[in-house]
């Protein structure tokens, strides 16, 4: 999250010890965070409602110092005139447009050949749009379940000029949105303030957790990228989310700026049996985080670089711990 130059390679054995203090920003500098928005799933809504949602999201960003996000649409959701027009508005407003595959397949369930071709299938839909950037985000943030499939896809992306749209702050907005839409469908005039409060608390919990890990692993705050979705929840509360971060002293930065952080050029190791994204296992290897409290059960290999470990995977139950276990309270 800080606008400084950092060493691109940090030895895992040095976590927090052999790192040069002069390479890091001052401790009182504000954490920084950028917004990235995935999927563009309209859930069968009407054109009028979809356009209203799109405008609300764009307006929330523009009213916060004209903040520029990164959009990662799924091809099957935008393979029509309405979908393309919505994404085009993001590019015309100065936001990045990346690639999130056509079918939103979970890579370990498909061959490299199938998955890589599905990724390329999106390009004709977005390549001529303003803001198109060759940055790719894996569905469920999963690069593969073997070294071979991971490395094949990495080589494929490099061959086609793509960088990965890594995430440093993962959260459960998709789950809260499911509950929110169900409530609105059942009781259209429901008081939604509980959802808002819960969502803000949840994001702050996740951001604080991952920023703390960033400081432990890297000795600094990364320029964070928050993963949220193009959905009803953020149509209603994205502006509140941005207000919250600013109110707590964080600095909102453009996604393009965030992706210049050296952490995003690192190559994470292979995390077994874990679909989500998380910046933590170097911290675990450095004995900085207890695995007992977080229920991290999967094995880790090839974690030889502190920056690469920051952009790996989120504990399976962490996502449901904060969204699932507390959802029965304000989101019932």
Protein backbone atom coordinates (compact mmCIF):
# COMPACT_ATOMS: atom_id res chain seq x y z
CA UNK A 1 0.00 0.00 0.00
CA UNK A 2 2.88 2.49 0.14
CA UNK A 3 4.30 4.47 -2.78
CA UNK A 4 7.92 3.40 -2.45
CA UNK A 5 10.34 1.16 -4.31
CA UNK A 6 10.93 -2.18 -2.66
CA UNK A 7 13.26 -5.06 -3.31
CA UNK A 8 11.57 -7.55 -5.59
CA UNK A 9 13.00 -10.58 -3.85
CA UNK A 10 12.74 -11.17 -0.11
CA UNK A 11 14.20 -14.36 1.35
CA UNK A 12 11.73 -16.51 3.27
CA UNK A 13 14.30 -17.22 5.94
CA UNK A 14 14.60 -13.51 6.56
CA UNK A 15 10.95 -12.79 7.24
CA UNK A 16 10.95 -9.53 9.13
CA UNK A 17 14.59 -9.94 10.21
CA UNK A 18 17.07 -9.54 7.36
CA UNK A 19 14.87 -7.08 5.45
CA UNK A 20 16.46 -3.72 4.97
CA UNK A 21 14.60 -1.13 7.03
CA UNK A 22 15.62 1.62 4.65
CA UNK A 23 13.67 -0.05 1.85
CA UNK A 24 10.39 0.42 3.66
CA UNK A 25 8.13 3.41 4.21
CA UNK A 26 7.79 5.20 7.50
CA UNK A 27 5.55 3.49 10.04
CA UNK A 28 3.10 6.35 10.17
CA UNK A 29 2.28 6.28 6.45
CA UNK A 30 -1.31 5.38 5.74
CA UNK A 31 -2.24 1.95 4.38
CA UNK A 32 -3.44 2.11 0.79
CA UNK A 33 -6.15 0.11 -0.94
CA UNK A 34 -7.57 -0.20 -4.45
CA UNK A 35 -10.91 -1.57 -5.59
CA UNK A 36 -11.22 -4.49 -8.00
CA UNK A 37 -14.64 -5.70 -9.14
CA UNK A 38 -15.35 -9.15 -10.54
CA UNK A 39 -17.87 -11.06 -12.63
CA UNK A 40 -20.60 -8.58 -13.81
CA UNK A 41 -23.23 -11.24 -13.15
CA UNK A 42 -26.60 -9.51 -13.57
CA UNK A 43 -28.59 -12.48 -12.25
CA UNK A 44 -31.19 -12.08 -15.01
CA UNK A 45 -32.19 -8.58 -14.01
CA UNK A 46 -33.77 -6.12 -16.42
CA UNK A 47 -31.79 -3.67 -18.53
CA UNK A 48 -33.08 -0.75 -16.47
CA UNK A 49 -32.04 -2.32 -13.17
CA UNK A 50 -28.66 -3.41 -14.55
CA UNK A 51 -27.89 0.06 -15.85
CA UNK A 52 -28.95 1.60 -12.54
CA UNK A 53 -26.60 -0.75 -10.67
CA UNK A 54 -23.75 0.02 -13.01
CA UNK A 55 -24.23 3.76 -12.60
CA UNK A 56 -24.37 3.45 -8.81
CA UNK A 57 -21.04 1.62 -8.71
CA UNK A 58 -19.38 4.07 -11.08
CA UNK A 59 -20.80 7.05 -9.20
CA UNK A 60 -19.49 5.73 -5.89
CA UNK A 61 -15.99 5.62 -7.34
CA UNK A 62 -16.18 8.97 -9.13
CA UNK A 63 -17.37 10.78 -6.00
CA UNK A 64 -14.32 9.56 -4.11
CA UNK A 65 -11.63 11.60 -5.83
CA UNK A 66 -12.52 10.01 -9.17
CA UNK A 67 -11.08 6.71 -7.96
CA UNK A 68 -10.18 4.24 -10.73
CA UNK A 69 -10.87 0.54 -10.17
CA UNK A 70 -10.06 -2.63 -12.09
CA UNK A 71 -12.98 -4.59 -13.55
CA UNK A 72 -12.67 -8.31 -14.26
CA UNK A 73 -15.80 -9.36 -16.18
CA UNK A 74 -16.68 -12.98 -16.91
CA UNK A 75 -17.27 -13.45 -20.62
CA UNK A 76 -20.51 -15.41 -20.40
CA UNK A 77 -22.07 -12.61 -18.34
CA UNK A 78 -21.24 -9.90 -20.88
CA UNK A 79 -21.62 -11.79 -24.17
CA UNK A 80 -24.59 -9.66 -25.19
CA UNK A 81 -25.15 -6.03 -26.03
CA UNK A 82 -26.26 -5.06 -22.54
CA UNK A 83 -23.31 -6.73 -20.84
CA UNK A 84 -20.77 -5.24 -23.20
CA UNK A 85 -22.31 -1.79 -22.87
CA UNK A 86 -21.99 -1.95 -19.08
CA UNK A 87 -18.33 -2.94 -19.20
CA UNK A 88 -17.66 -0.35 -21.90
CA UNK A 89 -18.87 2.35 -19.50
CA UNK A 90 -16.16 1.33 -17.07
CA UNK A 91 -13.46 1.67 -19.68
CA UNK A 92 -14.78 5.01 -20.88
CA UNK A 93 -14.72 6.24 -17.27
CA UNK A 94 -11.01 5.43 -17.03
CA UNK A 95 -11.14 2.11 -15.21
CA UNK A 96 -9.03 -0.92 -16.10
CA UNK A 97 -10.76 -3.86 -17.81
CA UNK A 98 -9.17 -7.25 -17.30
CA UNK A 99 -9.91 -10.87 -18.16
CA UNK A 100 -11.71 -13.26 -15.78
CA UNK A 101 -12.26 -16.14 -18.25
CA UNK A 102 -15.36 -16.76 -20.32
CA UNK A 103 -16.98 -19.55 -18.32
CA UNK A 104 -15.67 -18.85 -14.80
CA UNK A 105 -14.40 -22.40 -14.56
CA UNK A 106 -12.49 -23.67 -11.55
CA UNK A 107 -9.14 -24.46 -13.15
CA UNK A 108 -8.41 -27.74 -11.28
CA UNK A 109 -11.61 -29.20 -12.76
CA UNK A 110 -10.43 -28.65 -16.35
CA UNK A 111 -7.42 -29.42 -18.46
CA UNK A 112 -4.88 -26.73 -19.24
CA UNK A 113 -5.99 -26.82 -22.90
CA UNK A 114 -9.64 -26.25 -22.02
CA UNK A 115 -8.95 -23.56 -19.46
CA UNK A 116 -6.45 -21.57 -21.52
CA UNK A 117 -8.74 -21.48 -24.53
CA UNK A 118 -11.64 -20.39 -22.34
CA UNK A 119 -9.48 -17.53 -21.11
CA UNK A 120 -8.75 -16.39 -24.66
CA UNK A 121 -12.45 -16.58 -25.55
CA UNK A 122 -13.07 -13.38 -23.59
CA UNK A 123 -10.69 -11.21 -25.58
CA UNK A 124 -12.90 -10.53 -28.63
CA UNK A 125 -15.53 -9.12 -26.26
CA UNK A 126 -13.26 -6.60 -24.51
CA UNK A 127 -10.03 -6.08 -26.44
CA UNK A 128 -11.26 -3.03 -28.35
CA UNK A 129 -12.70 -1.32 -25.28
CA UNK A 130 -11.01 1.67 -23.71
CA UNK A 131 -9.22 0.55 -20.58
CA UNK A 132 -8.57 -3.02 -21.73
CA UNK A 133 -5.47 -4.28 -19.97
CA UNK A 134 -3.88 -7.69 -20.26
CA UNK A 135 -4.32 -8.59 -16.63
CA UNK A 136 -5.92 -11.92 -15.80
CA UNK A 137 -7.70 -13.06 -12.65
CA UNK A 138 -8.21 -16.76 -11.99
CA UNK A 139 -11.73 -17.79 -10.92
CA UNK A 140 -11.60 -18.55 -7.21
CA UNK A 141 -8.02 -17.22 -7.47
CA UNK A 142 -6.78 -20.77 -8.11
CA UNK A 143 -3.74 -21.14 -10.39
CA UNK A 144 -3.96 -24.93 -10.54
CA UNK A 145 -3.65 -27.95 -8.29
CA UNK A 146 -0.30 -29.25 -9.55
CA UNK A 147 3.01 -27.62 -10.34
CA UNK A 148 2.61 -28.71 -13.95
CA UNK A 149 -0.80 -27.11 -14.51
CA UNK A 150 0.25 -23.98 -12.64
CA UNK A 151 3.42 -23.57 -14.67
CA UNK A 152 1.69 -24.27 -17.98
CA UNK A 153 -0.79 -21.49 -17.32
CA UNK A 154 1.89 -19.10 -16.13
CA UNK A 155 3.88 -19.70 -19.31
CA UNK A 156 0.71 -19.29 -21.40
CA UNK A 157 -0.12 -15.97 -19.77
CA UNK A 158 3.42 -14.72 -20.28
CA UNK A 159 3.34 -15.79 -23.93
CA UNK A 160 0.15 -13.79 -24.45
CA UNK A 161 1.40 -10.74 -22.58
CA UNK A 162 -0.74 -11.11 -19.45
CA UNK A 163 -0.01 -10.36 -15.81
CA UNK A 164 -2.07 -11.83 -12.98
CA UNK A 165 -4.65 -9.69 -11.17
CA UNK A 166 -3.71 -10.88 -7.71
CA UNK A 167 -5.73 -10.07 -4.59
CA UNK A 168 -4.34 -9.11 -1.20
CA UNK A 169 -7.68 -8.57 0.60
CA UNK A 170 -10.24 -11.28 -0.07
CA UNK A 171 -13.68 -11.16 1.51
CA UNK A 172 -17.19 -12.60 1.42
CA UNK A 173 -19.27 -9.96 -0.30
CA UNK A 174 -20.67 -12.62 -2.66
CA UNK A 175 -22.15 -14.49 0.31
CA UNK A 176 -23.60 -11.39 1.95
CA UNK A 177 -25.06 -10.39 -1.42
CA UNK A 178 -26.83 -13.76 -1.68
CA UNK A 179 -28.45 -13.19 1.69
CA UNK A 180 -29.28 -9.58 0.85
CA UNK A 181 -30.98 -10.44 -2.45
CA UNK A 182 -32.97 -13.20 -0.80
CA UNK A 183 -34.19 -10.79 1.85
CA UNK A 184 -35.16 -8.14 -0.71
CA UNK A 185 -37.02 -10.74 -2.79
CA UNK A 186 -38.96 -11.95 0.26
CA UNK A 187 -39.54 -8.52 1.82
CA UNK A 188 -38.85 -5.69 -0.65
CA UNK A 189 -39.21 -2.95 1.96
CA UNK A 190 -36.89 -4.54 4.52
CA UNK A 191 -34.61 -2.41 6.65
CA UNK A 192 -31.16 -3.14 5.18
CA UNK A 193 -29.11 -1.24 7.73
CA UNK A 194 -28.03 -4.49 9.38
CA UNK A 195 -26.52 -5.71 6.12
CA UNK A 196 -24.62 -2.48 5.72
CA UNK A 197 -23.21 -2.58 9.24
CA UNK A 198 -22.28 -6.23 8.93
CA UNK A 199 -20.63 -5.72 5.54
CA UNK A 200 -18.54 -2.79 6.70
CA UNK A 201 -17.43 -4.65 9.83
CA UNK A 202 -16.58 -7.71 7.76
CA UNK A 203 -14.45 -5.77 5.25
CA UNK A 204 -12.65 -3.93 8.01
CA UNK A 205 -11.92 -7.23 9.74
CA UNK A 206 -10.49 -8.72 6.54
CA UNK A 207 -8.49 -5.65 5.57
CA UNK A 208 -7.01 -5.30 9.05
CA UNK A 209 -6.09 -8.98 9.13
CA UNK A 210 -4.37 -8.99 5.75
CA UNK A 211 -2.61 -5.69 6.34
CA UNK A 212 -1.27 -7.05 9.60
CA UNK A 213 0.08 -10.08 7.76
CA UNK A 214 1.58 -7.88 5.09
CA UNK A 215 3.52 -5.99 7.73
CA UNK A 216 4.69 -9.22 9.36
CA UNK A 217 5.73 -10.87 6.11
CA UNK A 218 7.08 -7.90 4.16
CA UNK A 219 7.85 -5.46 6.94
CA UNK A 220 5.44 -3.01 5.33
CA UNK A 221 1.91 -2.59 4.06
CA UNK A 222 1.44 -3.72 0.48
CA UNK A 223 -0.58 -1.60 -1.89
CA UNK A 224 -3.70 -3.63 -1.29
CA UNK A 225 -6.21 -4.83 -3.85
CA UNK A 226 -9.67 -5.55 -2.45
CA UNK A 227 -11.79 -8.12 -4.29
CA UNK A 228 -15.51 -7.36 -4.44
CA UNK A 229 -18.21 -8.05 -7.02
CA UNK A 230 -20.56 -6.23 -9.36
CA UNK A 231 -23.68 -6.94 -7.32
CA UNK A 232 -26.60 -5.48 -5.38
CA UNK A 233 -24.65 -5.28 -2.14
CA UNK A 234 -22.06 -2.96 -3.64
CA UNK A 235 -24.65 -1.04 -5.61
CA UNK A 236 -26.09 -0.08 -2.23
CA UNK A 237 -22.99 0.19 -0.06
CA UNK A 238 -19.81 0.73 -2.10
CA UNK A 239 -19.80 4.42 -1.26
CA UNK A 240 -20.05 3.53 2.43
CA UNK A 241 -17.17 1.09 2.03
CA UNK A 242 -14.98 3.82 0.57
CA UNK A 243 -16.04 6.26 3.28
CA UNK A 244 -15.16 3.68 5.91
CA UNK A 245 -11.63 3.14 4.66
CA UNK A 246 -11.00 6.86 4.42
CA UNK A 247 -12.50 7.42 7.87
CA UNK A 248 -10.15 4.84 9.35
CA UNK A 249 -7.13 6.54 7.83
CA UNK A 250 -6.56 4.39 4.77
CA UNK A 251 -5.76 5.98 1.44
CA UNK A 252 -7.82 5.03 -1.62
CA UNK A 253 -5.61 4.52 -4.67
CA UNK A 254 -6.21 3.62 -8.29
CA UNK A 255 -5.93 -0.04 -9.20
CA UNK A 256 -3.28 0.76 -11.79
CA UNK A 257 -1.19 2.29 -9.02
CA UNK A 258 -1.73 -0.67 -6.70
CA UNK A 259 -0.55 -3.18 -9.30
CA UNK A 260 2.81 -1.38 -9.52
CA UNK A 261 3.71 -2.77 -6.10
CA UNK A 262 6.55 -5.27 -6.39
CA UNK A 263 4.47 -7.84 -4.54
CA UNK A 264 2.34 -8.33 -7.66
CA UNK A 265 5.30 -9.33 -9.80
CA UNK A 266 6.10 -12.24 -7.50
CA UNK A 267 5.22 -15.84 -8.32
CA UNK A 268 3.36 -17.58 -5.47
CA UNK A 269 4.14 -21.16 -4.56
CA UNK A 270 1.64 -23.97 -4.94
CA UNK A 271 -1.05 -24.27 -2.30
CA UNK A 272 -2.76 -27.64 -2.17
CA UNK A 273 -6.55 -28.09 -1.85
CA UNK A 274 -7.27 -24.40 -1.42
CA UNK A 275 -9.34 -22.40 -3.90
CA UNK A 276 -9.27 -18.91 -2.43
CA UNK A 277 -6.61 -16.21 -2.24
CA UNK A 278 -4.63 -15.33 0.86
CA UNK A 279 -1.53 -13.49 1.97
CA UNK A 280 -0.44 -15.70 4.87
CA UNK A 281 1.59 -18.84 4.58
CA UNK A 282 4.97 -17.19 4.82
CA UNK A 283 3.71 -15.76 8.08
CA UNK A 284 2.80 -19.27 9.18
CA UNK A 285 6.21 -20.58 8.18
CA UNK A 286 7.72 -17.72 10.17
CA UNK A 287 5.55 -18.77 13.18
CA UNK A 288 3.80 -15.41 13.13
CA UNK A 289 0.26 -16.78 12.89
CA UNK A 290 -1.36 -19.68 14.71
CA UNK A 291 -2.87 -22.30 12.43
CA UNK A 292 -5.03 -23.63 15.25
CA UNK A 293 -7.22 -20.56 15.36
CA UNK A 294 -7.55 -20.22 11.59
CA UNK A 295 -8.10 -23.88 10.71
CA UNK A 296 -5.60 -23.90 7.85
CA UNK A 297 -5.21 -27.55 6.95
CA UNK A 298 -3.73 -27.67 3.46
CA UNK A 299 -0.06 -28.20 2.73
CA UNK A 300 2.22 -25.62 1.18
CA UNK A 301 5.21 -26.04 -1.10
CA UNK A 302 7.67 -23.85 -2.95
CA UNK A 303 7.19 -20.89 -0.62
CA UNK A 304 10.62 -19.38 -1.03
CA UNK A 305 9.86 -15.71 -1.45
CA UNK A 306 8.14 -13.44 1.06
CA UNK A 307 6.44 -11.30 -1.57
CA UNK A 308 5.11 -14.32 -3.45
CA UNK A 309 3.64 -15.70 -0.24
CA UNK A 310 1.67 -12.54 0.35
CA UNK A 311 -0.49 -13.15 -2.72
CA UNK A 312 -1.46 -16.74 -2.28
CA UNK A 313 -4.60 -18.17 -0.75
CA UNK A 314 -7.14 -17.43 1.90
CA UNK A 315 -8.05 -20.08 4.52
CA UNK A 316 -11.16 -21.96 3.48
CA UNK A 317 -12.98 -21.38 6.73
CA UNK A 318 -11.87 -17.78 7.16
CA UNK A 319 -14.26 -16.75 4.43
CA UNK A 320 -17.18 -18.60 6.00
CA UNK A 321 -16.13 -17.83 9.54
CA UNK A 322 -16.76 -14.16 9.12
CA UNK A 323 -19.62 -14.35 6.63
CA UNK A 324 -21.33 -17.57 7.63
CA UNK A 325 -21.10 -17.71 11.40
CA UNK A 326 -22.23 -14.14 11.96
CA UNK A 327 -24.69 -13.85 9.08
CA UNK A 328 -27.59 -15.12 11.13
CA UNK A 329 -27.49 -11.95 13.21
CA UNK A 330 -27.93 -8.77 11.10
CA UNK A 331 -28.43 -10.68 7.86
CA UNK A 332 -31.15 -13.09 8.92
